C-alpha atoms as a PDB file:
ATOM      1  CA  MET A   1       0.260  -0.419   0.067  1.00  0.00           C
ATOM      2  CA  LYS A   2       1.110   3.572  -1.124  1.00  0.00           C
ATOM      3  CA  THR A   3       1.409   6.159   1.768  1.00  0.00           C
ATOM      4  CA  GLY A   4       1.276  10.225   1.427  1.00  0.00           C
ATOM      5  CA  LYS A   5       3.562  11.919  -1.413  1.00  0.00           C
ATOM      6  CA  GLN A   6       3.658   8.438  -3.243  1.00  0.00           C
ATOM      7  CA  LEU A   7      -0.134   8.243  -2.816  1.00  0.00           C
ATOM      8  CA  ILE A   8      -0.418  11.215  -4.095  1.00  0.00           C
ATOM      9  CA  ALA A   9       0.874  10.527  -6.874  1.00  0.00           C
ATOM     10  CA  GLU A  10      -1.056   7.251  -7.968  1.00  0.00           C
ATOM     11  CA  ILE A  11      -3.851   8.913  -7.069  1.00  0.00           C
ATOM     12  CA  ASP A  12      -3.003  11.909  -9.968  1.00  0.00           C
ATOM     13  CA  SER A  13      -1.850   9.759 -12.436  1.00  0.00           C
ATOM     14  CA  TYR A  14      -4.794   7.264 -11.873  1.00  0.00           C
ATOM     15  CA  PRO A  15      -6.691   6.577 -15.341  1.00  0.00           C
ATOM     16  CA  VAL A  16     -10.742   7.098 -14.819  1.00  0.00           C
ATOM     17  CA  GLY A  17     -12.419   6.906 -17.674  1.00  0.00           C
ATOM     18  CA  LYS A  18     -15.911   8.918 -18.011  1.00  0.00           C
ATOM     19  CA  GLY A  19     -19.005   7.408 -16.321  1.00  0.00           C
ATOM     20  CA  CYS A  20     -16.831   5.303 -13.929  1.00  0.00           C
ATOM     21  CA  ILE A  21     -15.211   5.909 -10.462  1.00  0.00           C
ATOM     22  CA  THR A  22     -12.437   5.135  -8.109  1.00  0.00           C
ATOM     23  CA  PHE A  23     -11.986   4.981  -4.821  1.00  0.00           C
ATOM     24  CA  TRP A  24      -9.601   4.306  -2.232  1.00  0.00           C
ATOM     25  CA  TRP A  25     -10.578   4.289   1.390  1.00  0.00           C
ATOM     26  CA  LEU A  26      -8.471   6.125   3.993  1.00  0.00           C
ATOM     27  CA  GLY A  27     -10.645   3.981   7.220  1.00  0.00           C
ATOM     28  CA  GLN A  28     -13.955   4.665   8.383  1.00  0.00           C
ATOM     29  CA  HIS A  29     -16.267   6.120   6.424  1.00  0.00           C
ATOM     30  CA  SER A  30     -13.421   8.846   4.357  1.00  0.00           C
ATOM     31  CA  TYR A  31     -12.639   8.603   0.787  1.00  0.00           C
ATOM     32  CA  VAL A  32     -10.406   9.776  -1.769  1.00  0.00           C
ATOM     33  CA  LEU A  33     -13.214   9.885  -4.845  1.00  0.00           C
ATOM     34  CA  LYS A  34     -11.683  10.195  -8.564  1.00  0.00           C
ATOM     35  CA  THR A  35     -13.975  10.970 -11.414  1.00  0.00           C
ATOM     36  CA  ALA A  36     -12.743  11.683 -15.039  1.00  0.00           C
ATOM     37  CA  ARG A  37     -11.625  14.941 -14.251  1.00  0.00           C
ATOM     38  CA  LYS A  38     -12.760  16.169 -10.584  1.00  0.00           C
ATOM     39  CA  ILE A  39     -10.663  14.387  -7.322  1.00  0.00           C
ATOM     40  CA  ILE A  40     -12.669  14.928  -4.294  1.00  0.00           C
ATOM     41  CA  TYR A  41     -12.222  13.759  -0.487  1.00  0.00           C
ATOM     42  CA  LEU A  42     -14.840  12.589   1.596  1.00  0.00           C
ATOM     43  CA  ASP A  43     -15.281  13.262   5.096  1.00  0.00           C
ATOM     44  CA  PRO A  44     -11.517  12.801   5.322  1.00  0.00           C
ATOM     45  CA  TYR A  45     -10.585  11.614   8.565  1.00  0.00           C
ATOM     46  CA  LEU A  46      -6.947  12.139   8.954  1.00  0.00           C
ATOM     47  CA  SER A  47      -5.928  13.141  12.340  1.00  0.00           C
ATOM     48  CA  PRO A  48      -3.642  10.247  14.573  1.00  0.00           C
ATOM     49  CA  ALA A  49      -4.711   9.136  17.394  1.00  0.00           C
ATOM     50  CA  PRO A  50      -4.264   5.932  20.150  1.00  0.00           C
ATOM     51  CA  SER A  51      -7.269   4.828  19.765  1.00  0.00           C
ATOM     52  CA  ARG A  52      -7.276   4.661  15.913  1.00  0.00           C
ATOM     53  CA  LEU A  53      -6.392   1.306  14.531  1.00  0.00           C
ATOM     54  CA  LEU A  54      -6.357   2.167  10.625  1.00  0.00           C
ATOM     55  CA  GLN A  55      -3.387   5.553  11.408  1.00  0.00           C
ATOM     56  CA  SER A  56      -4.043   7.795   8.129  1.00  0.00           C
ATOM     57  CA  PRO A  57      -2.060   6.998   4.662  1.00  0.00           C
ATOM     58  CA  LEU A  58      -2.362  10.417   4.024  1.00  0.00           C
ATOM     59  CA  LYS A  59      -0.833  13.772   6.096  1.00  0.00           C
ATOM     60  CA  PRO A  60      -2.715  17.161   5.293  1.00  0.00           C
ATOM     61  CA  GLU A  61      -0.130  18.783   3.897  1.00  0.00           C
ATOM     62  CA  GLU A  62       0.336  16.424   0.850  1.00  0.00           C
ATOM     63  CA  ILE A  63      -3.242  16.597  -0.056  1.00  0.00           C
ATOM     64  CA  THR A  64      -2.275  19.007  -3.143  1.00  0.00           C
ATOM     65  CA  ASN A  65      -4.849  17.330  -5.671  1.00  0.00           C
ATOM     66  CA  ALA A  66      -8.569  18.526  -3.927  1.00  0.00           C
ATOM     67  CA  ASP A  67     -10.527  19.677  -5.944  1.00  0.00           C
ATOM     68  CA  ILE A  68     -13.728  19.357  -3.423  1.00  0.00           C
ATOM     69  CA  VAL A  69     -13.726  18.037   0.143  1.00  0.00           C
ATOM     70  CA  THR A  70     -16.977  17.460   2.400  1.00  0.00           C
ATOM     71  CA  GLY A  71     -17.500  17.390   5.590  1.00  0.00           C
ATOM     72  CA  SER A  72     -21.001  15.906   6.257  1.00  0.00           C
ATOM     73  CA  HIS A  73     -21.594  16.830  10.068  1.00  0.00           C
ATOM     74  CA  ASP A  74     -19.953  18.399  12.521  1.00  0.00           C
ATOM     75  CA  HIS A  75     -17.506  15.339  14.461  1.00  0.00           C
ATOM     76  CA  SER A  76     -14.092  14.532  14.820  1.00  0.00           C
ATOM     77  CA  ASP A  77     -14.124  12.054  12.268  1.00  0.00           C
ATOM     78  CA  HIS A  78     -15.837  13.694   9.332  1.00  0.00           C
ATOM     79  CA  ILE A  79     -14.745  17.448   9.890  1.00  0.00           C
ATOM     80  CA  ASP A  80     -11.682  17.073  11.157  1.00  0.00           C
ATOM     81  CA  HIS A  81     -10.901  20.374  12.727  1.00  0.00           C
ATOM     82  CA  PRO A  82      -7.212  20.353  13.110  1.00  0.00           C
ATOM     83  CA  VAL A  83      -5.963  19.497   9.779  1.00  0.00           C
ATOM     84  CA  LEU A  84      -8.235  21.810   7.641  1.00  0.00           C
ATOM     85  CA  PRO A  85      -6.065  24.611   7.226  1.00  0.00           C
ATOM     86  CA  ALA A  86      -3.819  22.477   6.493  1.00  0.00           C
ATOM     87  CA  LEU A  87      -5.261  20.395   3.644  1.00  0.00           C
ATOM     88  CA  MET A  88      -6.958  23.849   1.951  1.00  0.00           C
ATOM     89  CA  ASN A  89      -3.516  25.096   1.829  1.00  0.00           C
ATOM     90  CA  ALA A  90      -2.169  22.576   0.304  1.00  0.00           C
ATOM     91  CA  SER A  91      -5.044  22.196  -1.990  1.00  0.00           C
ATOM     92  CA  PRO A  92      -5.429  26.452  -2.601  1.00  0.00           C
ATOM     93  CA  LYS A  93      -8.709  24.970  -5.247  1.00  0.00           C
ATOM     94  CA  CYS A  94     -10.573  23.278  -4.136  1.00  0.00           C
ATOM     95  CA  LYS A  95     -13.800  23.962  -2.236  1.00  0.00           C
ATOM     96  CA  LEU A  96     -15.129  22.542   1.144  1.00  0.00           C
ATOM     97  CA  LEU A  97     -19.057  21.975   1.660  1.00  0.00           C
ATOM     98  CA  VAL A  98     -20.247  21.182   4.700  1.00  0.00           C
ATOM     99  CA  PRO A  99     -23.520  21.717   6.608  1.00  0.00           C
ATOM    100  CA  LYS A 100     -25.286  25.362   7.370  1.00  0.00           C
ATOM    101  CA  ALA A 101     -24.627  24.178  10.749  1.00  0.00           C
ATOM    102  CA  ALA A 102     -20.911  23.605  10.656  1.00  0.00           C
ATOM    103  CA  ALA A 103     -19.689  27.177   9.693  1.00  0.00           C
ATOM    104  CA  ALA A 104     -19.378  28.743  13.366  1.00  0.00           C
ATOM    105  CA  ALA A 105     -16.922  26.663  13.811  1.00  0.00           C
ATOM    106  CA  LEU A 106     -15.169  26.404  10.900  1.00  0.00           C
ATOM    107  CA  ARG A 107     -14.789  30.311  11.656  1.00  0.00           C
ATOM    108  CA  LYS A 108     -12.794  28.825  14.478  1.00  0.00           C
ATOM    109  CA  ASP A 109     -10.315  27.206  11.922  1.00  0.00           C
ATOM    110  CA  ASN A 110      -8.168  29.433  10.439  1.00  0.00           C
ATOM    111  CA  ILE A 111     -10.093  28.506   6.806  1.00  0.00           C
ATOM    112  CA  ASP A 112     -10.752  31.291   4.266  1.00  0.00           C
ATOM    113  CA  MET A 113     -14.656  31.333   4.496  1.00  0.00           C
ATOM    114  CA  ALA A 114     -14.825  32.498   1.003  1.00  0.00           C
ATOM    115  CA  ARG A 115     -14.324  28.312  -0.111  1.00  0.00           C
ATOM    116  CA  VAL A 116     -16.716  27.246   2.408  1.00  0.00           C
ATOM    117  CA  CYS A 117     -20.254  26.459   0.971  1.00  0.00           C
ATOM    118  CA  THR A 118     -22.580  25.472   3.116  1.00  0.00           C
ATOM    119  CA  LEU A 119     -25.716  23.465   2.949  1.00  0.00           C
ATOM    120  CA  ASP A 120     -28.556  21.999   4.100  1.00  0.00           C
ATOM    121  CA  ASP A 121     -31.536  20.036   3.146  1.00  0.00           C
ATOM    122  CA  GLY A 122     -31.524  19.636  -0.670  1.00  0.00           C
ATOM    123  CA  GLY A 123     -29.736  22.787  -1.234  1.00  0.00           C
ATOM    124  CA  VAL A 124     -26.967  22.001  -4.598  1.00  0.00           C
ATOM    125  CA  TYR A 125     -23.404  23.258  -5.376  1.00  0.00           C
ATOM    126  CA  ASP A 126     -23.534  23.690  -8.784  1.00  0.00           C
ATOM    127  CA  SER A 127     -20.066  24.659 -10.452  1.00  0.00           C
ATOM    128  CA  ASP A 128     -17.260  23.573 -13.148  1.00  0.00           C
ATOM    129  CA  GLY A 129     -19.385  20.488 -14.184  1.00  0.00           C
ATOM    130  CA  VAL A 130     -19.666  19.455 -10.438  1.00  0.00           C
ATOM    131  CA  ARG A 131     -23.546  19.199  -8.915  1.00  0.00           C
ATOM    132  CA  ILE A 132     -23.440  17.988  -5.481  1.00  0.00           C
ATOM    133  CA  THR A 133     -26.908  17.956  -3.338  1.00  0.00           C
ATOM    134  CA  ALA A 134     -27.344  17.573   0.165  1.00  0.00           C
ATOM    135  CA  VAL A 135     -30.033  14.862   1.624  1.00  0.00           C
ATOM    136  CA  LYS A 136     -30.460  14.758   4.633  1.00  0.00           C
ATOM    137  CA  ALA A 137     -29.070  12.522   7.935  1.00  0.00           C
ATOM    138  CA  ALA A 138     -30.975  11.034  10.590  1.00  0.00           C
ATOM    139  CA  HIS A 139     -27.736  10.367  12.770  1.00  0.00           C
ATOM    140  CA  GLU A 140     -29.466   8.632  15.310  1.00  0.00           C
ATOM    141  CA  PHE A 141     -31.925  11.627  15.091  1.00  0.00           C
ATOM    142  CA  PHE A 142     -32.485  14.856  12.865  1.00  0.00           C
ATOM    143  CA  ASP A 143     -30.918  17.155  15.644  1.00  0.00           C
ATOM    144  CA  TYR A 144     -33.021  19.955  13.031  1.00  0.00           C
ATOM    145  CA  ASP A 145     -32.850  23.762  14.275  1.00  0.00           C
ATOM    146  CA  GLU A 146     -34.743  26.243  12.457  1.00  0.00           C
ATOM    147  CA  LYS A 147     -32.208  28.140  12.233  1.00  0.00           C
ATOM    148  CA  ALA A 148     -29.317  26.488  11.138  1.00  0.00           C
ATOM    149  CA  GLY A 149     -31.235  24.053   9.842  1.00  0.00           C
ATOM    150  CA  TYR A 150     -29.903  19.830   9.541  1.00  0.00           C
ATOM    151  CA  PRO A 151     -26.993  19.523  11.303  1.00  0.00           C
ATOM    152  CA  TYR A 152     -25.895  15.589   9.198  1.00  0.00           C
ATOM    153  CA  LEU A 153     -25.977  14.972   5.988  1.00  0.00           C
ATOM    154  CA  GLY A 154     -25.027  13.076   3.330  1.00  0.00           C
ATOM    155  CA  PHE A 155     -24.074  14.062  -0.453  1.00  0.00           C
ATOM    156  CA  ILE A 156     -24.568  13.106  -4.212  1.00  0.00           C
ATOM    157  CA  ILE A 157     -22.364  13.781  -5.820  1.00  0.00           C
ATOM    158  CA  GLU A 158     -22.860  14.632  -9.905  1.00  0.00           C
ATOM    159  CA  THR A 159     -19.915  15.117 -12.289  1.00  0.00           C
ATOM    160  CA  ASP A 160     -18.251  13.475 -15.487  1.00  0.00           C
ATOM    161  CA  GLY A 161     -21.165  11.348 -16.411  1.00  0.00           C
ATOM    162  CA  VAL A 162     -21.570  10.010 -12.404  1.00  0.00           C
ATOM    163  CA  ALA A 163     -23.741  10.082  -9.846  1.00  0.00           C
ATOM    164  CA  VAL A 164     -22.163   8.602  -6.416  1.00  0.00           C
ATOM    165  CA  TYR A 165     -24.569   8.886  -3.093  1.00  0.00           C
ATOM    166  CA  HIS A 166     -22.563   9.355   0.798  1.00  0.00           C
ATOM    167  CA  SER A 167     -24.608   9.421   3.064  1.00  0.00           C
ATOM    168  CA  GLY A 168     -22.744  10.341   6.033  1.00  0.00           C
ATOM    169  CA  ASP A 169     -23.613   8.804   9.386  1.00  0.00           C
ATOM    170  CA  THR A 170     -26.926   7.895   9.194  1.00  0.00           C
ATOM    171  CA  CYS A 171     -29.406   5.668   9.717  1.00  0.00           C
ATOM    172  CA  ASN A 172     -32.440   4.533   7.294  1.00  0.00           C
ATOM    173  CA  TYR A 173     -35.073   6.365   8.181  1.00  0.00           C
ATOM    174  CA  GLU A 174     -38.320   6.766   5.901  1.00  0.00           C
ATOM    175  CA  GLY A 175     -38.593   9.108   2.944  1.00  0.00           C
ATOM    176  CA  LEU A 176     -34.849   8.159   2.851  1.00  0.00           C
ATOM    177  CA  ALA A 177     -35.090   5.442  -0.298  1.00  0.00           C
ATOM    178  CA  ALA A 178     -38.180   6.920  -2.312  1.00  0.00           C
ATOM    179  CA  ALA A 179     -35.460  10.274  -2.024  1.00  0.00           C
ATOM    180  CA  LEU A 180     -32.504   8.328  -3.703  1.00  0.00           C
ATOM    181  CA  ARG A 181     -34.574   6.933  -6.487  1.00  0.00           C
ATOM    182  CA  GLN A 182     -34.273  10.615  -7.943  1.00  0.00           C
ATOM    183  CA  TRP A 183     -31.174   9.079  -9.439  1.00  0.00           C
ATOM    184  CA  ASP A 184     -29.447   5.973 -11.081  1.00  0.00           C
ATOM    185  CA  LEU A 185     -26.408   6.050  -8.920  1.00  0.00           C
ATOM    186  CA  THR A 186     -23.241   4.739  -9.995  1.00  0.00           C
ATOM    187  CA  ALA A 187     -22.612   3.872  -6.149  1.00  0.00           C
ATOM    188  CA  ALA A 188     -23.367   5.048  -2.840  1.00  0.00           C
ATOM    189  CA  PHE A 189     -20.484   4.367   0.420  1.00  0.00           C
ATOM    190  CA  LEU A 190     -23.168   3.507   3.699  1.00  0.00           C
ATOM    191  CA  PRO A 191     -22.315   3.116   6.933  1.00  0.00           C
ATOM    192  CA  ILE A 192     -22.974  -0.303   8.512  1.00  0.00           C
ATOM    193  CA  ASN A 193     -21.805   0.209  12.039  1.00  0.00           C
ATOM    194  CA  GLY A 194     -24.748  -0.337  13.553  1.00  0.00           C
ATOM    195  CA  ARG A 195     -26.098   1.878  17.154  1.00  0.00           C
ATOM    196  CA  ASP A 196     -27.229   0.347  20.706  1.00  0.00           C
ATOM    197  CA  ALA A 197     -27.798   1.455  24.079  1.00  0.00           C
ATOM    198  CA  LYS A 198     -24.339   1.038  25.309  1.00  0.00           C
ATOM    199  CA  ARG A 199     -23.007   3.500  22.820  1.00  0.00           C
ATOM    200  CA  LEU A 200     -25.220   5.837  22.510  1.00  0.00           C
ATOM    201  CA  ARG A 201     -25.065   6.407  26.353  1.00  0.00           C
ATOM    202  CA  ALA A 202     -21.551   7.025  25.786  1.00  0.00           C
ATOM    203  CA  GLY A 203     -22.363   9.846  23.413  1.00  0.00           C
ATOM    204  CA  CYS A 204     -21.239   7.776  20.275  1.00  0.00           C
ATOM    205  CA  ILE A 205     -23.865   8.099  18.174  1.00  0.00           C
ATOM    206  CA  GLY A 206     -25.653   5.711  16.498  1.00  0.00           C
ATOM    207  CA  ASN A 207     -26.053   4.399  12.181  1.00  0.00           C
ATOM    208  CA  MET A 208     -27.591   1.746  10.135  1.00  0.00           C
ATOM    209  CA  THR A 209     -26.794  -1.846  11.214  1.00  0.00           C
ATOM    210  CA  TYR A 210     -25.228  -3.681   8.012  1.00  0.00           C
ATOM    211  CA  GLN A 211     -28.950  -5.144   7.295  1.00  0.00           C
ATOM    212  CA  GLU A 212     -30.441  -1.658   7.020  1.00  0.00           C
ATOM    213  CA  ALA A 213     -27.593  -1.021   4.976  1.00  0.00           C
ATOM    214  CA  VAL A 214     -28.489  -3.656   2.510  1.00  0.00           C
ATOM    215  CA  ASP A 215     -32.173  -2.759   2.348  1.00  0.00           C
ATOM    216  CA  LEU A 216     -32.296   0.501   1.653  1.00  0.00           C
ATOM    217  CA  ALA A 217     -29.058  -0.875  -1.216  1.00  0.00           C
ATOM    218  CA  GLY A 218     -31.990  -3.026  -2.477  1.00  0.00           C
ATOM    219  CA  THR A 219     -34.356  -0.625  -2.776  1.00  0.00           C
ATOM    220  CA  ILE A 220     -32.445   2.403  -4.960  1.00  0.00           C
ATOM    221  CA  THR A 221     -30.984   1.903  -8.197  1.00  0.00           C
ATOM    222  CA  VAL A 222     -27.397   1.721  -7.863  1.00  0.00           C
ATOM    223  CA  GLY A 223     -24.230   0.335  -9.713  1.00  0.00           C
ATOM    224  CA  ALA A 224     -22.425  -1.089  -6.468  1.00  0.00           C
ATOM    225  CA  VAL A 225     -22.583  -0.673  -2.766  1.00  0.00           C
ATOM    226  CA  ILE A 226     -19.726   0.191  -0.533  1.00  0.00           C
ATOM    227  CA  PRO A 227     -19.886  -0.117   3.239  1.00  0.00           C
ATOM    228  CA  GLY A 228     -17.924   2.146   5.590  1.00  0.00           C
ATOM    229  CA  HIS A 229     -17.770   3.556   9.117  1.00  0.00           C
ATOM    230  CA  TYR A 230     -16.062   0.399  10.552  1.00  0.00           C
ATOM    231  CA  GLY A 231     -12.752  -0.583  11.424  1.00  0.00           C
ATOM    232  CA  MET A 232     -11.125   2.754  13.090  1.00  0.00           C
ATOM    233  CA  PHE A 233     -12.284   1.846  16.942  1.00  0.00           C
ATOM    234  CA  ALA A 234     -12.665  -1.526  18.395  1.00  0.00           C
ATOM    235  CA  MET A 235     -16.044  -0.794  19.935  1.00  0.00           C
ATOM    236  CA  ASN A 236     -17.559   0.668  17.063  1.00  0.00           C
ATOM    237  CA  THR A 237     -16.896  -1.511  14.376  1.00  0.00           C
ATOM    238  CA  ALA A 238     -18.481  -4.133  12.238  1.00  0.00           C
ATOM    239  CA  ASP A 239     -17.668  -6.757   9.542  1.00  0.00           C
ATOM    240  CA  PRO A 240     -17.891  -6.124   6.362  1.00  0.00           C
ATOM    241  CA  ALA A 241     -18.346  -9.522   4.961  1.00  0.00           C
ATOM    242  CA  LEU A 242     -21.238  -9.893   6.438  1.00  0.00           C
ATOM    243  CA  PHE A 243     -22.979  -7.198   4.994  1.00  0.00           C
ATOM    244  CA  ALA A 244     -21.685  -8.437   0.990  1.00  0.00           C
ATOM    245  CA  ASP A 245     -22.864 -12.308   2.466  1.00  0.00           C
ATOM    246  CA  TYR A 246     -26.373 -10.560   3.302  1.00  0.00           C
ATOM    247  CA  LEU A 247     -27.111  -7.634  -0.030  1.00  0.00           C
ATOM    248  CA  ASP A 248     -25.678 -11.132  -2.186  1.00  0.00           C
ATOM    249  CA  ALA A 249     -28.330 -13.680  -0.559  1.00  0.00           C
ATOM    250  CA  LYS A 250     -31.447 -11.392  -0.417  1.00  0.00           C
ATOM    251  CA  TYR A 251     -30.405  -8.633  -3.306  1.00  0.00           C
ATOM    252  CA  PRO A 252     -28.448 -10.639  -5.790  1.00  0.00           C
ATOM    253  CA  GLU A 253     -29.089  -7.962  -8.811  1.00  0.00           C
ATOM    254  CA  ARG A 254     -26.905  -5.589  -6.723  1.00  0.00           C
ATOM    255  CA  ARG A 255     -23.386  -6.383  -5.920  1.00  0.00           C
ATOM    256  CA  SER A 256     -20.702  -4.902  -3.194  1.00  0.00           C
ATOM    257  CA  ALA A 257     -17.970  -3.714  -3.153  1.00  0.00           C
ATOM    258  CA  LEU A 258     -15.915  -3.651  -0.569  1.00  0.00           C
ATOM    259  CA  PRO A 259     -13.092  -1.705   0.304  1.00  0.00           C
ATOM    260  CA  LYS A 260      -9.216  -2.189   0.167  1.00  0.00           C
ATOM    261  CA  PHE A 261      -6.872   0.754   2.501  1.00  0.00           C
ATOM    262  CA  GLY A 262      -5.836   3.128   0.965  1.00  0.00           C
ATOM    263  CA  GLU A 263      -5.908   0.944  -2.398  1.00  0.00           C
ATOM    264  CA  PRO A 264      -7.096   1.504  -5.482  1.00  0.00           C
ATOM    265  CA  VAL A 265     -11.208   0.416  -6.511  1.00  0.00           C
ATOM    266  CA  ASP A 266     -12.730   0.745  -9.816  1.00  0.00           C
ATOM    267  CA  ILE A 267     -16.191   1.274 -10.514  1.00  0.00           C
ATOM    268  CA  SER A 268     -18.886   1.375 -13.474  1.00  0.00           C
ATOM    269  CA  LYS A 269     -21.717   1.118 -14.103  1.00  0.00           C
ATOM    270  CA  THR A 270     -21.287  -2.188 -16.544  1.00  0.00           C
ATOM    271  CA  THR A 271     -18.306  -4.036 -15.285  1.00  0.00           C
ATOM    272  CA  ASP A 272     -18.423  -5.962 -12.147  1.00  0.00           C
END
């Protein structure tokens, strides 16, 4: 597995055709997504920590190729405040997309807020051949605020002939599948770590289980489903093989693409 500048060079040079994507899993629910013309960092979680089972293969100052960075909600493994200034300095043309509710916290990070786009449910970022639509997420609860909106979002990314859904952290709520059926998705990145009383009482807010992720995948139009949000912390993980096996058993017309830490995974709508 490549790390650092070697990994950045691999991402930069990796060939991706129109209508296809390649992604690199950085651990947790964090990915580098490359399309035919764009490189998008989805919820990059890079800060080192003793509790991490997978240390990041990249340092923020090494990321010189980001066109867009997303932060789906203001938890440290999704909006990684300590690394954002260095990352955005290394990629001076990139835009940062976050929920409207996260804007106040970002103002403390010494970031040029002119490069930050804040969205709420249904909001759209549309620039330079990229269209990104925000979809509300239920991280156990919606926690909606009349002034700040929905603090947890997922994003539909449309560019270069593909449409990709990164859910952020969410449970499978009523209306989510209907919202996603507006798109013919090339890929969907879904959490599978689940939730329970012990974790919630400890302040670890939960997501859909692997079974719920399978059922969501079975009711939308999607080329490949990528399980995420596991393998980072010992007390908050799940087995992606169970997800893949259940998806195959229940919805054999759907296919999964299991992440390989720090290695490229290719996806198109027409090939396995």
